[in-house]
Amino acid sequence: MNEEAILKKIIDEFPNRNYSRIHNFKLIIFLGSIGDLENFEYVQYLNRNSKKLEELSIELYFYTIGSPISKEYFIRYTGIDPNSLIIFE
């Protein structure tokens, strides 16, 4: 997938997702490959601080490279909301 295709997917999907309207801010985070250890650590850190983010009315969304299977493992391991993780295959 080239850069244009990636940007098109982000633009096309963003308005169509069921984003919550109760949050004032959306933080979109672009990760590398879904299997990188740094991604697990970063997402776990943010997930551990989810109450503080909720208080600040910040909703998280992650874009990463992976497969549907790796997405399932990542969600199970990190505990994040499956709707907040968007993958590029």
N, C-alpha and C. Protein backbone atom coordinates (compact mmCIF):
# COMPACT_ATOMS: atom_id res chain seq x y z
N MET A 1 0.86 -1.18 0.00
CA MET A 1 0.00 0.00 0.00
C MET A 1 0.90 1.23 0.00
N ASN A 2 0.70 2.11 -0.97
CA ASN A 2 1.54 3.30 -1.06
C ASN A 2 0.95 4.43 -0.19
N GLU A 3 1.68 5.53 -0.12
CA GLU A 3 1.27 6.64 0.74
C GLU A 3 -0.10 7.20 0.36
N GLU A 4 -0.35 7.32 -0.93
CA GLU A 4 -1.66 7.84 -1.36
C GLU A 4 -2.80 6.94 -0.92
N ALA A 5 -2.60 5.63 -1.05
CA ALA A 5 -3.64 4.67 -0.65
C ALA A 5 -3.88 4.73 0.85
N ILE A 6 -2.82 4.89 1.62
CA ILE A 6 -2.96 4.99 3.08
C ILE A 6 -3.75 6.23 3.45
N LEU A 7 -3.38 7.37 2.89
CA LEU A 7 -4.10 8.61 3.20
C LEU A 7 -5.56 8.54 2.77
N LYS A 8 -5.81 7.93 1.62
CA LYS A 8 -7.19 7.78 1.15
C LYS A 8 -8.00 6.93 2.13
N LYS A 9 -7.40 5.84 2.62
CA LYS A 9 -8.11 4.98 3.57
C LYS A 9 -8.43 5.74 4.86
N ILE A 10 -7.48 6.52 5.35
CA ILE A 10 -7.70 7.30 6.57
C ILE A 10 -8.83 8.29 6.36
N ILE A 11 -8.79 9.01 5.26
CA ILE A 11 -9.81 10.03 4.98
C ILE A 11 -11.17 9.39 4.75
N ASP A 12 -11.20 8.29 4.01
CA ASP A 12 -12.47 7.63 3.71
C ASP A 12 -13.11 7.01 4.95
N GLU A 13 -12.30 6.41 5.81
CA GLU A 13 -12.84 5.73 6.98
C GLU A 13 -13.21 6.67 8.11
N PHE A 14 -12.47 7.73 8.27
CA PHE A 14 -12.66 8.57 9.46
C PHE A 14 -14.10 9.04 9.65
N PRO A 15 -14.76 9.63 8.67
CA PRO A 15 -16.12 10.11 8.91
C PRO A 15 -17.13 8.98 9.04
N ASN A 16 -16.79 7.79 8.56
CA ASN A 16 -17.74 6.68 8.58
C ASN A 16 -17.69 5.87 9.86
N ARG A 17 -16.72 6.09 10.68
CA ARG A 17 -16.62 5.32 11.93
C ARG A 17 -17.60 5.89 12.95
N ASN A 18 -17.97 5.06 13.88
CA ASN A 18 -18.94 5.45 14.90
C ASN A 18 -18.22 6.12 16.07
N TYR A 19 -17.71 7.31 15.83
CA TYR A 19 -16.98 8.03 16.87
C TYR A 19 -17.96 8.62 17.88
N SER A 20 -17.58 8.54 19.11
CA SER A 20 -18.42 9.05 20.19
C SER A 20 -18.51 10.57 20.13
N ARG A 21 -19.66 11.07 20.43
CA ARG A 21 -19.83 12.53 20.45
C ARG A 21 -19.70 13.11 21.86
N ILE A 22 -19.50 12.22 22.84
CA ILE A 22 -19.38 12.72 24.22
C ILE A 22 -17.98 13.26 24.50
N HIS A 23 -17.02 12.93 23.67
CA HIS A 23 -15.66 13.41 23.87
C HIS A 23 -15.43 14.65 23.02
N ASN A 24 -14.74 15.60 23.61
CA ASN A 24 -14.44 16.84 22.90
C ASN A 24 -13.25 16.71 21.97
N PHE A 25 -12.34 15.79 22.29
CA PHE A 25 -11.10 15.68 21.53
C PHE A 25 -10.88 14.25 21.06
N LYS A 26 -10.31 14.12 19.88
CA LYS A 26 -9.93 12.83 19.31
C LYS A 26 -8.42 12.85 19.13
N LEU A 27 -7.74 11.89 19.71
CA LEU A 27 -6.30 11.76 19.54
C LEU A 27 -6.05 10.57 18.63
N ILE A 28 -5.52 10.85 17.45
CA ILE A 28 -5.26 9.80 16.47
C ILE A 28 -3.76 9.52 16.51
N ILE A 29 -3.44 8.25 16.76
CA ILE A 29 -2.05 7.84 16.92
C ILE A 29 -1.69 6.86 15.82
N PHE A 30 -0.61 7.13 15.11
CA PHE A 30 -0.14 6.25 14.06
C PHE A 30 1.01 5.42 14.62
N LEU A 31 0.82 4.11 14.61
CA LEU A 31 1.83 3.19 15.10
C LEU A 31 2.52 2.52 13.92
N GLY A 32 3.66 1.90 14.16
CA GLY A 32 4.32 1.11 13.13
C GLY A 32 3.62 -0.23 13.01
N SER A 33 4.38 -1.26 12.82
CA SER A 33 3.84 -2.61 12.73
C SER A 33 3.20 -2.99 14.06
N ILE A 34 2.05 -3.64 13.97
CA ILE A 34 1.27 -3.96 15.17
C ILE A 34 2.05 -4.85 16.15
N GLY A 35 3.03 -5.61 15.66
CA GLY A 35 3.76 -6.53 16.52
C GLY A 35 4.96 -5.92 17.24
N ASP A 36 5.29 -4.68 16.97
CA ASP A 36 6.44 -4.05 17.63
C ASP A 36 6.21 -3.88 19.12
N LEU A 37 7.22 -4.23 19.89
CA LEU A 37 7.12 -4.14 21.35
C LEU A 37 6.80 -2.73 21.82
N GLU A 38 7.38 -1.73 21.16
CA GLU A 38 7.13 -0.34 21.57
C GLU A 38 5.64 0.00 21.47
N ASN A 39 4.98 -0.53 20.45
CA ASN A 39 3.55 -0.27 20.30
C ASN A 39 2.76 -0.85 21.45
N PHE A 40 3.09 -2.07 21.85
CA PHE A 40 2.40 -2.68 22.99
C PHE A 40 2.58 -1.84 24.24
N GLU A 41 3.82 -1.44 24.50
CA GLU A 41 4.12 -0.67 25.71
C GLU A 41 3.40 0.68 25.68
N TYR A 42 3.42 1.34 24.55
CA TYR A 42 2.80 2.66 24.41
C TYR A 42 1.29 2.58 24.61
N VAL A 43 0.67 1.61 23.96
CA VAL A 43 -0.79 1.46 24.06
C VAL A 43 -1.18 1.03 25.47
N GLN A 44 -0.42 0.16 26.08
CA GLN A 44 -0.72 -0.24 27.46
C GLN A 44 -0.61 0.95 28.41
N TYR A 45 0.39 1.79 28.21
CA TYR A 45 0.53 2.99 29.04
C TYR A 45 -0.69 3.89 28.90
N LEU A 46 -1.10 4.13 27.67
CA LEU A 46 -2.29 4.97 27.44
C LEU A 46 -3.54 4.33 28.03
N ASN A 47 -3.65 3.01 27.88
CA ASN A 47 -4.82 2.30 28.40
C ASN A 47 -4.86 2.37 29.93
N ARG A 48 -3.69 2.27 30.57
CA ARG A 48 -3.63 2.38 32.04
C ARG A 48 -4.07 3.77 32.51
N ASN A 49 -3.90 4.76 31.65
CA ASN A 49 -4.27 6.13 32.00
C ASN A 49 -5.59 6.56 31.36
N SER A 50 -6.41 5.59 31.02
CA SER A 50 -7.66 5.87 30.32
C SER A 50 -8.63 6.71 31.16
N LYS A 51 -8.60 6.54 32.47
CA LYS A 51 -9.50 7.35 33.31
C LYS A 51 -9.13 8.83 33.23
N LYS A 52 -7.84 9.13 33.24
CA LYS A 52 -7.39 10.51 33.13
C LYS A 52 -7.75 11.08 31.75
N LEU A 53 -7.57 10.28 30.71
CA LEU A 53 -7.94 10.72 29.37
C LEU A 53 -9.44 10.96 29.27
N GLU A 54 -10.21 10.11 29.92
CA GLU A 54 -11.68 10.28 29.94
C GLU A 54 -12.05 11.58 30.65
N GLU A 55 -11.38 11.87 31.76
CA GLU A 55 -11.64 13.11 32.48
C GLU A 55 -11.33 14.34 31.62
N LEU A 56 -10.31 14.20 30.78
CA LEU A 56 -9.92 15.30 29.90
C LEU A 56 -10.72 15.30 28.60
N SER A 57 -11.66 14.35 28.49
CA SER A 57 -12.53 14.22 27.32
C SER A 57 -11.74 13.95 26.04
N ILE A 58 -10.75 13.04 26.16
CA ILE A 58 -9.93 12.65 25.03
C ILE A 58 -10.24 11.21 24.65
N GLU A 59 -10.56 11.01 23.39
CA GLU A 59 -10.85 9.68 22.87
C GLU A 59 -9.70 9.26 21.96
N LEU A 60 -9.20 8.03 22.14
CA LEU A 60 -8.04 7.55 21.40
C LEU A 60 -8.42 6.70 20.21
N TYR A 61 -7.68 6.86 19.11
CA TYR A 61 -7.80 6.00 17.93
C TYR A 61 -6.40 5.68 17.43
N PHE A 62 -6.17 4.42 17.12
CA PHE A 62 -4.86 3.95 16.69
C PHE A 62 -4.94 3.42 15.26
N TYR A 63 -4.01 3.85 14.43
CA TYR A 63 -3.84 3.32 13.08
C TYR A 63 -2.52 2.57 13.05
N THR A 64 -2.53 1.34 12.53
CA THR A 64 -1.33 0.53 12.52
C THR A 64 -1.32 -0.43 11.34
N ILE A 65 -0.17 -1.04 11.10
CA ILE A 65 -0.02 -2.03 10.04
C ILE A 65 -0.16 -3.41 10.67
N GLY A 66 -1.04 -4.24 10.10
CA GLY A 66 -1.20 -5.58 10.63
C GLY A 66 -2.25 -6.35 9.88
N SER A 67 -2.69 -7.43 10.47
CA SER A 67 -3.72 -8.29 9.89
C SER A 67 -4.87 -8.39 10.88
N PRO A 68 -6.01 -8.90 10.45
CA PRO A 68 -7.12 -9.10 11.40
C PRO A 68 -6.74 -10.01 12.56
N ILE A 69 -5.92 -11.01 12.31
CA ILE A 69 -5.50 -11.92 13.39
C ILE A 69 -4.59 -11.19 14.37
N SER A 70 -3.63 -10.42 13.85
CA SER A 70 -2.74 -9.68 14.75
C SER A 70 -3.52 -8.63 15.53
N LYS A 71 -4.56 -8.08 14.91
CA LYS A 71 -5.41 -7.11 15.62
C LYS A 71 -6.08 -7.77 16.82
N GLU A 72 -6.60 -8.97 16.64
CA GLU A 72 -7.25 -9.68 17.74
C GLU A 72 -6.28 -9.94 18.89
N TYR A 73 -5.07 -10.39 18.57
CA TYR A 73 -4.06 -10.61 19.61
C TYR A 73 -3.68 -9.31 20.32
N PHE A 74 -3.51 -8.25 19.54
CA PHE A 74 -3.13 -6.95 20.10
C PHE A 74 -4.20 -6.45 21.06
N ILE A 75 -5.46 -6.56 20.67
CA ILE A 75 -6.57 -6.12 21.51
C ILE A 75 -6.63 -6.95 22.79
N ARG A 76 -6.48 -8.25 22.64
CA ARG A 76 -6.53 -9.14 23.81
C ARG A 76 -5.40 -8.83 24.78
N TYR A 77 -4.21 -8.55 24.25
CA TYR A 77 -3.05 -8.29 25.09
C TYR A 77 -3.09 -6.91 25.74
N THR A 78 -3.53 -5.90 25.00
CA THR A 78 -3.49 -4.53 25.52
C THR A 78 -4.77 -4.12 26.25
N GLY A 79 -5.90 -4.76 25.91
CA GLY A 79 -7.16 -4.42 26.55
C GLY A 79 -7.84 -3.19 25.98
N ILE A 80 -7.42 -2.72 24.80
CA ILE A 80 -8.05 -1.52 24.22
C ILE A 80 -9.36 -1.89 23.53
N ASP A 81 -10.17 -0.89 23.31
CA ASP A 81 -11.44 -1.05 22.61
C ASP A 81 -11.16 -1.44 21.16
N PRO A 82 -11.75 -2.54 20.67
CA PRO A 82 -11.51 -2.95 19.29
C PRO A 82 -11.87 -1.89 18.26
N ASN A 83 -12.83 -1.05 18.55
CA ASN A 83 -13.24 0.00 17.61
C ASN A 83 -12.21 1.12 17.51
N SER A 84 -11.28 1.17 18.45
CA SER A 84 -10.29 2.25 18.42
C SER A 84 -9.04 1.87 17.64
N LEU A 85 -8.97 0.62 17.16
CA LEU A 85 -7.79 0.16 16.44
C LEU A 85 -8.13 -0.10 14.98
N ILE A 86 -7.55 0.67 14.10
CA ILE A 86 -7.77 0.54 12.66
C ILE A 86 -6.48 0.03 12.04
N ILE A 87 -6.58 -1.06 11.27
CA ILE A 87 -5.37 -1.66 10.71
C ILE A 87 -5.29 -1.46 9.21
N PHE A 88 -4.06 -1.41 8.74
CA PHE A 88 -3.74 -1.42 7.31
C PHE A 88 -3.09 -2.77 7.04
N GLU A 89 -3.60 -3.49 6.07
CA GLU A 89 -2.99 -4.80 5.73
C GLU A 89 -1.96 -4.64 4.65
